[in-house]
Protein backbone atom coordinates (compact mmCIF):
# COMPACT_ATOMS: atom_id res chain seq x y z
CA MET A 1 25.23 19.62 -8.99
CA THR A 2 24.23 23.09 -7.83
CA ASP A 3 26.93 25.75 -7.67
CA VAL A 4 27.96 26.57 -4.11
CA MET A 5 27.32 30.27 -4.78
CA THR A 6 23.59 29.70 -5.28
CA PRO A 7 21.71 32.08 -2.95
CA PRO A 8 20.21 30.32 0.09
CA GLN A 9 16.62 29.17 -0.24
CA PRO A 10 13.99 29.47 2.50
CA ALA A 11 13.68 26.36 4.65
CA LEU A 12 10.67 24.14 4.05
CA PHE A 13 11.68 22.10 7.11
CA SER A 14 13.31 23.63 10.17
CA ILE A 15 14.35 21.21 12.89
CA LYS A 16 15.61 22.32 16.30
CA ASP A 17 17.09 20.17 19.08
CA LEU A 18 15.41 16.99 17.85
CA HIS A 19 15.57 13.99 20.16
CA LEU A 20 14.13 10.53 19.61
CA SER A 21 14.67 7.24 21.43
CA PHE A 22 13.42 3.66 21.23
CA PRO A 23 12.92 1.03 23.94
CA ASP A 24 15.90 -1.32 24.27
CA ARG A 25 13.91 -4.55 24.16
CA ALA A 26 17.05 -6.68 24.22
CA HIS A 27 17.72 -5.51 27.79
CA ARG A 28 14.18 -5.27 29.07
CA PRO A 29 13.97 -6.22 32.77
CA LEU A 30 11.60 -8.86 34.02
CA PHE A 31 9.59 -6.15 35.75
CA GLY A 32 9.23 -2.52 34.76
CA THR A 33 9.90 -0.73 31.53
CA ALA A 34 12.76 -1.24 29.15
CA PRO A 35 15.59 1.28 29.09
CA ARG A 36 15.66 3.56 26.08
CA ILE A 37 18.29 4.00 23.39
CA GLU A 38 18.68 7.55 22.09
CA VAL A 39 18.79 7.39 18.28
CA LEU A 40 18.62 11.11 17.40
CA LYS A 41 20.57 13.37 19.73
CA GLY A 42 19.60 17.01 19.55
CA LEU A 43 19.62 17.52 15.77
CA THR A 44 19.25 21.04 14.42
CA LEU A 45 19.02 21.51 10.66
CA ASP A 46 17.11 23.12 7.81
CA LEU A 47 15.98 21.57 4.52
CA PRO A 48 15.93 24.33 1.88
CA GLU A 49 12.84 24.47 -0.29
CA GLY A 50 13.18 23.23 -3.85
CA ARG A 51 16.49 21.42 -3.27
CA ILE A 52 17.59 17.79 -2.93
CA THR A 53 19.29 17.11 0.39
CA GLY A 54 21.24 13.91 0.85
CA ILE A 55 21.19 12.26 4.27
CA VAL A 56 24.09 9.85 4.68
CA GLY A 57 25.80 7.85 7.39
CA GLU A 58 26.85 4.38 8.34
CA SER A 59 24.32 1.75 9.39
CA GLY A 60 22.78 2.79 12.70
CA SER A 61 23.58 6.47 12.23
CA GLY A 62 19.90 7.45 12.45
CA LYS A 63 19.37 8.55 8.84
CA SER A 64 16.23 6.48 8.19
CA THR A 65 14.86 7.42 11.61
CA LEU A 66 15.32 11.09 10.76
CA GLY A 67 13.52 10.52 7.46
CA ARG A 68 10.54 8.98 9.19
CA VAL A 69 10.34 11.92 11.57
CA LEU A 70 10.21 14.27 8.58
CA VAL A 71 7.12 12.53 7.18
CA ARG A 72 5.76 12.03 10.71
CA LEU A 73 5.75 8.28 10.69
CA LEU A 74 7.57 8.78 13.98
CA ALA A 75 6.95 11.47 16.58
CA PRO A 76 9.97 13.00 18.34
CA ASP A 77 10.51 12.80 22.08
CA ALA A 78 11.54 16.47 22.20
CA GLY A 79 12.40 19.35 19.93
CA GLN A 80 10.65 21.11 17.06
CA VAL A 81 9.91 19.78 13.58
CA THR A 82 8.54 22.72 11.63
CA PHE A 83 7.11 22.17 8.15
CA ASP A 84 6.17 25.32 6.23
CA GLY A 85 5.89 27.22 9.51
CA LYS A 86 3.80 24.56 11.29
CA ASP A 87 5.22 22.53 14.18
CA ILE A 88 4.19 19.02 13.10
CA GLY A 89 6.17 17.20 15.76
CA THR A 90 3.35 17.22 18.31
CA LEU A 91 0.29 17.06 16.05
CA ASP A 92 -2.09 14.14 16.43
CA GLU A 93 -3.24 12.16 13.40
CA ASP A 94 -6.39 14.20 12.88
CA ALA A 95 -4.41 17.42 12.73
CA LEU A 96 -1.78 15.80 10.49
CA ARG A 97 -4.27 14.47 7.93
CA PRO A 98 -4.51 17.69 5.87
CA LEU A 99 -0.69 17.76 5.62
CA ARG A 100 -0.19 14.13 4.61
CA ARG A 101 -0.61 14.85 0.91
CA ASP A 102 2.35 17.21 1.00
CA LEU A 103 4.61 14.69 2.79
CA GLN A 104 5.17 11.69 0.54
CA MET A 105 7.61 8.79 0.72
CA ILE A 106 9.19 6.51 -1.87
CA PHE A 107 10.15 3.22 -0.23
CA GLN A 108 13.31 1.17 -0.55
CA ASP A 109 11.44 -2.01 -1.52
CA PRO A 110 8.58 -1.10 -3.88
CA MET A 111 7.30 -4.69 -3.94
CA SER A 112 6.45 -4.47 -0.24
CA SER A 113 4.71 -1.10 -0.62
CA LEU A 114 2.63 -1.83 -3.75
CA ASN A 115 -0.59 -3.79 -3.30
CA PRO A 116 0.02 -7.04 -5.23
CA ARG A 117 -3.72 -7.52 -5.86
CA HIS A 118 -4.22 -4.18 -7.59
CA LYS A 119 -3.35 -3.12 -11.10
CA VAL A 120 -0.83 -0.33 -11.48
CA TRP A 121 -3.36 2.36 -12.33
CA ARG A 122 -5.40 1.60 -9.20
CA ILE A 123 -2.26 1.71 -7.03
CA ILE A 124 -1.65 5.25 -8.28
CA ALA A 125 -5.29 6.33 -8.25
CA GLN A 126 -6.25 5.24 -4.72
CA PRO A 127 -4.24 7.90 -2.83
CA MET A 128 -5.49 10.51 -5.30
CA LYS A 129 -9.06 9.63 -4.38
CA ARG A 130 -8.26 9.69 -0.69
CA TYR A 131 -6.91 13.22 -0.91
CA ARG A 132 -9.46 14.38 -3.48
CA ARG A 133 -6.88 14.94 -6.20
CA GLY A 134 -8.86 13.10 -8.87
CA GLY A 135 -8.20 9.38 -9.00
CA THR A 136 -9.55 8.33 -12.39
CA ARG A 137 -7.74 5.99 -14.73
CA ALA A 138 -6.91 9.00 -16.89
CA ASP A 139 -5.28 10.72 -13.89
CA ALA A 140 -3.18 7.64 -13.22
CA LEU A 141 -2.10 7.49 -16.86
CA LYS A 142 -0.83 11.08 -16.64
CA ALA A 143 1.30 10.13 -13.65
CA LEU A 144 2.64 7.08 -15.47
CA GLU A 145 3.58 9.24 -18.42
CA LYS A 146 5.57 11.55 -16.14
CA VAL A 147 7.70 8.63 -14.96
CA GLY A 148 8.25 7.27 -18.46
CA LEU A 149 5.90 4.27 -18.41
CA PRO A 150 3.48 3.78 -21.32
CA GLU A 151 -0.26 3.19 -21.01
CA SER A 152 0.23 -0.56 -21.46
CA PHE A 153 1.65 -0.72 -17.92
CA ALA A 154 -1.59 0.54 -16.37
CA ASP A 155 -3.22 -2.90 -16.32
CA ARG A 156 -0.21 -4.84 -15.10
CA TYR A 157 0.29 -6.10 -11.56
CA PRO A 158 3.43 -5.34 -9.52
CA HIS A 159 4.82 -8.87 -9.93
CA GLU A 160 4.79 -8.37 -13.71
CA LEU A 161 7.21 -5.45 -13.49
CA SER A 162 10.97 -5.25 -13.10
CA GLY A 163 12.49 -3.66 -10.01
CA GLY A 164 13.13 -0.40 -11.81
CA GLN A 165 9.61 -0.32 -13.23
CA ARG A 166 8.12 -0.94 -9.78
CA GLN A 167 10.16 1.91 -8.39
CA ARG A 168 8.83 4.17 -11.15
CA VAL A 169 5.29 3.22 -10.12
CA GLY A 170 6.17 4.16 -6.53
CA ILE A 171 7.43 7.52 -7.76
CA ALA A 172 4.30 7.99 -9.88
CA ARG A 173 2.09 7.32 -6.86
CA ALA A 174 3.97 9.94 -4.84
CA ILE A 175 4.08 12.72 -7.44
CA ALA A 176 0.44 12.16 -8.49
CA LEU A 177 -0.56 13.91 -5.25
CA GLU A 178 1.53 16.97 -6.20
CA PRO A 179 3.31 17.02 -2.83
CA ARG A 180 5.76 19.64 -1.65
CA PHE A 181 8.16 17.16 -0.04
CA ILE A 182 9.31 13.64 -0.92
CA LEU A 183 11.40 11.33 1.24
CA ALA A 184 13.36 8.84 -0.89
CA ASP A 185 14.84 6.17 1.38
CA GLU A 186 17.53 4.02 -0.31
CA ILE A 187 15.31 3.79 -3.38
CA VAL A 188 17.98 2.44 -5.75
CA SER A 189 19.91 0.15 -3.42
CA GLY A 190 18.29 -3.00 -4.81
CA LEU A 191 18.57 -2.09 -8.50
CA ASP A 192 21.24 -2.83 -11.09
CA VAL A 193 23.44 0.06 -12.22
CA SER A 194 21.45 0.75 -15.39
CA SER A 195 18.14 0.90 -13.50
CA GLN A 196 19.73 3.06 -10.82
CA ALA A 197 20.81 5.56 -13.44
CA GLN A 198 17.33 5.75 -14.95
CA VAL A 199 15.54 6.14 -11.61
CA LEU A 200 17.96 8.77 -10.29
CA SER A 201 17.85 10.78 -13.50
CA LEU A 202 14.05 10.65 -13.39
CA LEU A 203 13.93 11.81 -9.77
CA LYS A 204 16.27 14.72 -10.47
CA THR A 205 14.19 15.81 -13.47
CA LEU A 206 10.89 15.59 -11.59
CA ALA A 207 12.28 17.49 -8.61
CA LYS A 208 13.37 20.31 -10.89
CA ASP A 209 10.20 20.39 -13.01
CA MET A 210 7.81 20.19 -10.05
CA GLY A 211 9.77 22.33 -7.61
CA LEU A 212 9.97 19.47 -5.12
CA THR A 213 11.94 19.44 -1.91
CA VAL A 214 13.55 16.00 -1.57
CA ALA A 215 15.38 14.25 1.25
CA PHE A 216 17.42 11.46 -0.33
CA ILE A 217 18.73 8.81 2.08
CA SER A 218 21.60 6.72 0.79
CA HIS A 219 24.78 4.97 1.83
CA ASP A 220 26.30 5.61 -1.61
CA LEU A 221 28.20 8.89 -1.60
CA SER A 222 28.84 8.76 -5.35
CA VAL A 223 25.10 8.98 -5.90
CA ILE A 224 24.83 11.82 -3.38
CA ARG A 225 27.60 13.73 -5.14
CA HIS A 226 25.84 13.67 -8.50
CA LEU A 227 22.20 13.90 -7.42
CA CYS A 228 22.01 16.20 -4.41
CA ASP A 229 22.41 19.93 -3.82
CA ASP A 230 23.13 19.64 -0.10
CA VAL A 231 24.22 16.86 2.23
CA ILE A 232 23.88 16.02 5.92
CA VAL A 233 26.27 13.44 7.40
CA LEU A 234 25.08 11.61 10.52
CA ASN A 235 27.03 9.54 13.01
CA HIS A 236 25.36 7.89 16.00
CA GLY A 237 22.42 10.30 15.82
CA GLU A 238 24.46 13.48 15.54
CA ILE A 239 25.31 15.74 12.61
CA VAL A 240 29.04 15.68 11.92
CA ASP A 241 29.01 17.52 8.58
CA SER A 242 26.52 19.50 6.52
CA GLY A 243 26.31 22.01 3.72
CA PRO A 244 26.39 22.20 -0.08
CA VAL A 245 27.57 18.92 -1.59
CA GLN A 246 30.62 20.39 -3.30
CA THR A 247 31.79 22.10 -0.11
CA VAL A 248 31.36 19.05 2.12
CA PHE A 249 32.93 16.63 -0.35
CA GLU A 250 35.92 18.82 -1.13
CA HIS A 251 36.46 20.06 2.43
CA PRO A 252 35.07 17.43 4.85
CA LYS A 253 35.19 18.52 8.47
CA SER A 254 34.89 15.16 10.21
CA ASP A 255 36.83 11.91 10.06
CA ILE A 256 33.51 10.13 9.53
CA THR A 257 32.88 12.07 6.32
CA LYS A 258 36.42 11.40 5.14
CA ALA A 259 36.02 7.68 5.81
CA LEU A 260 32.71 7.55 3.97
CA LEU A 261 34.21 9.37 0.99
CA ASP A 262 37.08 6.90 0.83
CA ALA A 263 35.01 3.79 1.45
CA ILE A 264 33.27 2.75 -1.76
CA PRO A 265 34.42 4.34 -5.01
CA ARG A 266 31.86 4.09 -7.82
CA PRO A 267 33.63 5.03 -11.10
CA GLU A 268 30.67 3.85 -13.18
CA ILE A 269 28.57 6.76 -11.91
CA ASN A 270 29.14 9.91 -13.92
CA ASP A 271 27.48 13.16 -14.86
CA SER A 272 26.05 11.70 -18.08
CA TRP A 273 23.44 9.97 -15.92
CA PHE A 274 21.87 13.35 -15.25
CA ASP A 275 22.18 15.04 -18.66
C-alpha cells in the first residue's frame, strides 16, 4: 500500500460532471420512448497515472458502468472524459481506434471473453496483429511468461485451463499490447482464495513493472485495502468518498463507506500476498 505522503501524480484520466443514463425498459409506455434512469450523476474525479485506483460500491452503485465509460464501451450523456489530454467522451469509433490499444480491459468471466475455438497463443496474438504490435507465436510466449505460464500452455484451449489460469491468459492478452490503462472488473470474484492471491499479486507486480494505470472494480474492500493506492466509493451513481486508501479506510467520511468496511471481513487476506 502506497504511503499517503506520496507526492500527487499527474492524472491520466480527468473526468468532469459525468452523466450517463439508460432506458427504463421495465416501465416503457405502449407508445413513445421509455423513461431514462440516471446511473452516473455528475461524477468528477481524476485517476493518477501509474497508480491502482479501486472503485467500490454496493450492487447498482454504478461502478461497472463507470469502468465501461473509461474504456469507452459506453459513451456519456454529458460531461468530459479526458484521457491523456484528449476528450474521448464524444469521439466516434474511427477516432477512438488509435486509442483502443492503450485502453484495455480484463473481464470478470474469462471463459466468456476467450475464444473457445482458439489456442491460447492465438488468443493473445490476435489483438497484437490488429494493433500492429507483432502477433507471432514468439510474441505470445513472451506475454505468457510475464504472467507466469510456461510454453506448454500456448497450445491449450480455454476449457483445458483452470479459472486462475484463464484469468492469467486474459491478463496476458491485455498487457501484450503494452497499454497505458487497464480496467480490471471483478477479476477475482469467481476464483478460490489461493487463485485470487496469485492473480492479485501478479497484477500488482505487472502494474509496477510496466508503469500501468489500473482501475480495479471490486466489492471486496479487503482486496482494495491491500492492492490499491487510491479508492473511489460510489453510491447510487455519486462519489461519497475518495482519496488514498489508507486515508479513506482509516477516516471514512460517509456512512456508506463505514458500512462497506464493516460488512465482510476477510482475515485470510494479508500483506504476504503481495510480497
